[in-house]
C-alpha atoms as a PDB file:
ATOM      1  CA  UNK A   1      30.697 -49.130 -52.883  1.00  0.00           C
ATOM      2  CA  UNK A   2      30.677 -45.537 -51.944  1.00  0.00           C
ATOM      3  CA  UNK A   3      30.509 -44.552 -48.294  1.00  0.00           C
ATOM      4  CA  UNK A   4      27.814 -42.015 -47.260  1.00  0.00           C
ATOM      5  CA  UNK A   5      28.859 -38.873 -45.518  1.00  0.00           C
ATOM      6  CA  UNK A   6      27.030 -37.762 -42.423  1.00  0.00           C
ATOM      7  CA  UNK A   7      25.264 -34.456 -42.723  1.00  0.00           C
ATOM      8  CA  UNK A   8      26.039 -32.388 -39.635  1.00  0.00           C
ATOM      9  CA  UNK A   9      23.827 -29.396 -40.440  1.00  0.00           C
ATOM     10  CA  UNK A  10      20.423 -28.537 -39.030  1.00  0.00           C
ATOM     11  CA  UNK A  11      17.648 -27.815 -41.471  1.00  0.00           C
ATOM     12  CA  UNK A  12      16.112 -24.562 -40.108  1.00  0.00           C
ATOM     13  CA  UNK A  13      13.508 -24.030 -42.826  1.00  0.00           C
ATOM     14  CA  UNK A  14      10.670 -25.764 -40.869  1.00  0.00           C
ATOM     15  CA  UNK A  15      11.528 -23.704 -37.783  1.00  0.00           C
ATOM     16  CA  UNK A  16      11.377 -20.489 -39.779  1.00  0.00           C
ATOM     17  CA  UNK A  17       7.993 -21.509 -41.201  1.00  0.00           C
ATOM     18  CA  UNK A  18       6.626 -22.129 -37.709  1.00  0.00           C
ATOM     19  CA  UNK A  19       7.998 -18.798 -36.464  1.00  0.00           C
ATOM     20  CA  UNK A  20       6.413 -16.901 -39.371  1.00  0.00           C
ATOM     21  CA  UNK A  21       3.033 -18.557 -38.731  1.00  0.00           C
ATOM     22  CA  UNK A  22       3.253 -17.637 -35.027  1.00  0.00           C
ATOM     23  CA  UNK A  23       4.229 -14.074 -35.943  1.00  0.00           C
ATOM     24  CA  UNK A  24       1.178 -13.729 -38.192  1.00  0.00           C
ATOM     25  CA  UNK A  25      -1.087 -15.155 -35.475  1.00  0.00           C
ATOM     26  CA  UNK A  26       0.242 -12.672 -32.889  1.00  0.00           C
ATOM     27  CA  UNK A  27      -0.008  -9.769 -35.327  1.00  0.00           C
ATOM     28  CA  UNK A  28      -3.644 -10.582 -36.059  1.00  0.00           C
ATOM     29  CA  UNK A  29      -4.761 -11.261 -32.482  1.00  0.00           C
ATOM     30  CA  UNK A  30      -2.850  -8.452 -30.708  1.00  0.00           C
ATOM     31  CA  UNK A  31      -5.190  -5.628 -31.808  1.00  0.00           C
ATOM     32  CA  UNK A  32      -8.198  -7.715 -30.721  1.00  0.00           C
ATOM     33  CA  UNK A  33      -7.015  -7.966 -27.126  1.00  0.00           C
ATOM     34  CA  UNK A  34      -8.412  -5.077 -25.115  1.00  0.00           C
ATOM     35  CA  UNK A  35      -6.217  -3.750 -22.381  1.00  0.00           C
ATOM     36  CA  UNK A  36      -7.688  -2.055 -19.339  1.00  0.00           C
ATOM     37  CA  UNK A  37      -6.532   1.439 -18.489  1.00  0.00           C
ATOM     38  CA  UNK A  38      -6.345   2.598 -14.914  1.00  0.00           C
ATOM     39  CA  UNK A  39      -6.198   6.339 -14.467  1.00  0.00           C
ATOM     40  CA  UNK A  40      -4.361   6.836 -11.218  1.00  0.00           C
ATOM     41  CA  UNK A  41      -4.873  10.316  -9.795  1.00  0.00           C
ATOM     42  CA  UNK A  42      -1.821  12.396  -9.110  1.00  0.00           C
ATOM     43  CA  UNK A  43      -1.464  13.966  -5.716  1.00  0.00           C
ATOM     44  CA  UNK A  44       1.344  16.270  -6.803  1.00  0.00           C
ATOM     45  CA  UNK A  45      -0.954  19.184  -7.560  1.00  0.00           C
ATOM     46  CA  UNK A  46      -4.211  19.137  -5.647  1.00  0.00           C
ATOM     47  CA  UNK A  47      -6.936  21.519  -6.719  1.00  0.00           C
ATOM     48  CA  UNK A  48      -8.751  23.419  -4.024  1.00  0.00           C
ATOM     49  CA  UNK A  49     -12.133  21.943  -3.129  1.00  0.00           C
ATOM     50  CA  UNK A  50     -15.288  23.943  -3.767  1.00  0.00           C
ATOM     51  CA  UNK A  51     -16.097  26.253  -0.856  1.00  0.00           C
ATOM     52  CA  UNK A  52     -19.570  24.808  -0.441  1.00  0.00           C
ATOM     53  CA  UNK A  53     -18.504  21.130  -0.371  1.00  0.00           C
ATOM     54  CA  UNK A  54     -19.524  18.851   2.486  1.00  0.00           C
ATOM     55  CA  UNK A  55     -16.640  16.726   3.752  1.00  0.00           C
ATOM     56  CA  UNK A  56     -17.327  13.137   4.786  1.00  0.00           C
ATOM     57  CA  UNK A  57     -14.592  12.224   7.251  1.00  0.00           C
ATOM     58  CA  UNK A  58     -13.887   8.518   7.743  1.00  0.00           C
ATOM     59  CA  UNK A  59     -11.536   7.867  10.651  1.00  0.00           C
ATOM     60  CA  UNK A  60      -9.160   4.887  10.996  1.00  0.00           C
ATOM     61  CA  UNK A  61     -11.659   2.996  13.189  1.00  0.00           C
ATOM     62  CA  UNK A  62     -14.421   3.468  10.573  1.00  0.00           C
ATOM     63  CA  UNK A  63     -16.325   6.214  12.429  1.00  0.00           C
ATOM     64  CA  UNK A  64     -17.831   8.847  10.162  1.00  0.00           C
ATOM     65  CA  UNK A  65     -18.338  12.570  10.618  1.00  0.00           C
ATOM     66  CA  UNK A  66     -19.666  15.388   8.435  1.00  0.00           C
ATOM     67  CA  UNK A  67     -18.431  18.952   8.199  1.00  0.00           C
ATOM     68  CA  UNK A  68     -18.558  21.881   5.835  1.00  0.00           C
ATOM     69  CA  UNK A  69     -15.301  22.375   3.935  1.00  0.00           C
ATOM     70  CA  UNK A  70     -15.018  25.904   5.380  1.00  0.00           C
ATOM     71  CA  UNK A  71     -15.574  24.700   8.957  1.00  0.00           C
ATOM     72  CA  UNK A  72     -13.065  23.109  11.322  1.00  0.00           C
ATOM     73  CA  UNK A  73     -15.566  21.309  13.548  1.00  0.00           C
ATOM     74  CA  UNK A  74     -17.198  18.070  12.449  1.00  0.00           C
ATOM     75  CA  UNK A  75     -20.371  16.327  13.561  1.00  0.00           C
ATOM     76  CA  UNK A  76     -20.119  12.544  14.175  1.00  0.00           C
ATOM     77  CA  UNK A  77     -22.828  10.520  12.419  1.00  0.00           C
ATOM     78  CA  UNK A  78     -23.930   6.890  12.368  1.00  0.00           C
ATOM     79  CA  UNK A  79     -24.719   5.016   9.152  1.00  0.00           C
ATOM     80  CA  UNK A  80     -28.436   5.879   9.355  1.00  0.00           C
ATOM     81  CA  UNK A  81     -27.759   9.541  10.207  1.00  0.00           C
ATOM     82  CA  UNK A  82     -25.244   9.628   7.329  1.00  0.00           C
ATOM     83  CA  UNK A  83     -27.910   8.686   4.769  1.00  0.00           C
ATOM     84  CA  UNK A  84     -30.403  11.203   6.211  1.00  0.00           C
ATOM     85  CA  UNK A  85     -27.829  14.028   6.360  1.00  0.00           C
ATOM     86  CA  UNK A  86     -26.849  13.447   2.733  1.00  0.00           C
ATOM     87  CA  UNK A  87     -30.476  13.373   1.612  1.00  0.00           C
ATOM     88  CA  UNK A  88     -31.183  16.606   3.546  1.00  0.00           C
ATOM     89  CA  UNK A  89     -28.187  18.314   1.909  1.00  0.00           C
ATOM     90  CA  UNK A  90     -29.294  17.131  -1.538  1.00  0.00           C
ATOM     91  CA  UNK A  91     -32.840  18.371  -0.874  1.00  0.00           C
ATOM     92  CA  UNK A  92     -31.428  21.871  -0.364  1.00  0.00           C
ATOM     93  CA  UNK A  93     -29.033  21.683  -3.331  1.00  0.00           C
ATOM     94  CA  UNK A  94     -29.256  18.795  -5.831  1.00  0.00           C
ATOM     95  CA  UNK A  95     -25.765  19.595  -7.190  1.00  0.00           C
ATOM     96  CA  UNK A  96     -24.151  19.628  -3.738  1.00  0.00           C
ATOM     97  CA  UNK A  97     -20.492  18.490  -4.019  1.00  0.00           C
ATOM     98  CA  UNK A  98     -19.081  16.058  -1.443  1.00  0.00           C
ATOM     99  CA  UNK A  99     -15.500  15.196  -0.465  1.00  0.00           C
ATOM    100  CA  UNK A 100     -14.434  11.941   1.185  1.00  0.00           C
ATOM    101  CA  UNK A 101     -11.499  12.440   3.546  1.00  0.00           C
ATOM    102  CA  UNK A 102     -10.518   8.915   4.614  1.00  0.00           C
ATOM    103  CA  UNK A 103      -7.664   7.972   6.919  1.00  0.00           C
ATOM    104  CA  UNK A 104      -4.719   6.436   5.054  1.00  0.00           C
ATOM    105  CA  UNK A 105      -4.773   3.365   7.331  1.00  0.00           C
ATOM    106  CA  UNK A 106      -8.435   2.658   6.539  1.00  0.00           C
ATOM    107  CA  UNK A 107      -9.132  -0.470   4.453  1.00  0.00           C
ATOM    108  CA  UNK A 108      -9.994   0.353   0.859  1.00  0.00           C
ATOM    109  CA  UNK A 109     -13.302  -1.548   1.099  1.00  0.00           C
ATOM    110  CA  UNK A 110     -14.566   0.893   3.750  1.00  0.00           C
ATOM    111  CA  UNK A 111     -13.895   3.839   1.421  1.00  0.00           C
ATOM    112  CA  UNK A 112     -15.764   2.050  -1.367  1.00  0.00           C
ATOM    113  CA  UNK A 113     -18.666   1.358   1.027  1.00  0.00           C
ATOM    114  CA  UNK A 114     -18.886   5.074   1.872  1.00  0.00           C
ATOM    115  CA  UNK A 115     -18.806   6.017  -1.821  1.00  0.00           C
ATOM    116  CA  UNK A 116     -21.502   3.432  -2.586  1.00  0.00           C
ATOM    117  CA  UNK A 117     -23.714   4.648   0.271  1.00  0.00           C
ATOM    118  CA  UNK A 118     -23.380   8.225  -0.975  1.00  0.00           C
ATOM    119  CA  UNK A 119     -24.191   7.166  -4.528  1.00  0.00           C
ATOM    120  CA  UNK A 120     -27.265   5.268  -3.310  1.00  0.00           C
ATOM    121  CA  UNK A 121     -28.390   8.402  -1.465  1.00  0.00           C
ATOM    122  CA  UNK A 122     -28.320  10.312  -4.775  1.00  0.00           C
ATOM    123  CA  UNK A 123     -24.942  12.087  -4.684  1.00  0.00           C
ATOM    124  CA  UNK A 124     -23.806  13.120  -8.175  1.00  0.00           C
ATOM    125  CA  UNK A 125     -20.611  15.048  -7.340  1.00  0.00           C
ATOM    126  CA  UNK A 126     -18.183  13.259  -5.021  1.00  0.00           C
ATOM    127  CA  UNK A 127     -14.387  13.340  -4.823  1.00  0.00           C
ATOM    128  CA  UNK A 128     -11.601  11.898  -2.711  1.00  0.00           C
ATOM    129  CA  UNK A 129      -9.499  14.321  -0.709  1.00  0.00           C
ATOM    130  CA  UNK A 130      -5.712  13.840  -0.817  1.00  0.00           C
ATOM    131  CA  UNK A 131      -2.632  15.521   0.570  1.00  0.00           C
ATOM    132  CA  UNK A 132       0.122  17.095  -1.448  1.00  0.00           C
ATOM    133  CA  UNK A 133       3.595  15.654  -1.224  1.00  0.00           C
ATOM    134  CA  UNK A 134       4.614  12.408   0.453  1.00  0.00           C
ATOM    135  CA  UNK A 135       3.305  13.096   3.957  1.00  0.00           C
ATOM    136  CA  UNK A 136       1.042  10.046   4.003  1.00  0.00           C
ATOM    137  CA  UNK A 137       3.514   7.604   2.462  1.00  0.00           C
END
């Protein structure tokens, strides 16, 4: 009687078949997956704000003030006065641009709340004011 030899090789053909099927699945599904793009603004080159813009200052404690971009003095306002002041400015000029100058230590939600309040008041043109360089980092 003849003695059987042990086969000490691995059959890789089934593994290759599985890998090719997975490759096809990934190739078909990859274009279907939508990725979200986040456009992060660069603070390297900051354009000059429009001369007629109204600046909404939000201090670190959450207090708000309004000032003209050409002025150095600001007028503190409460939340109700803020809405009225914005509506008065928009009544004079419907395309009035606004800038939000928020303290870097301010929670992000407060900045979003200010932007939302301005949008609800009818503001169409609003931007965030930044500094050039790494002064705030």
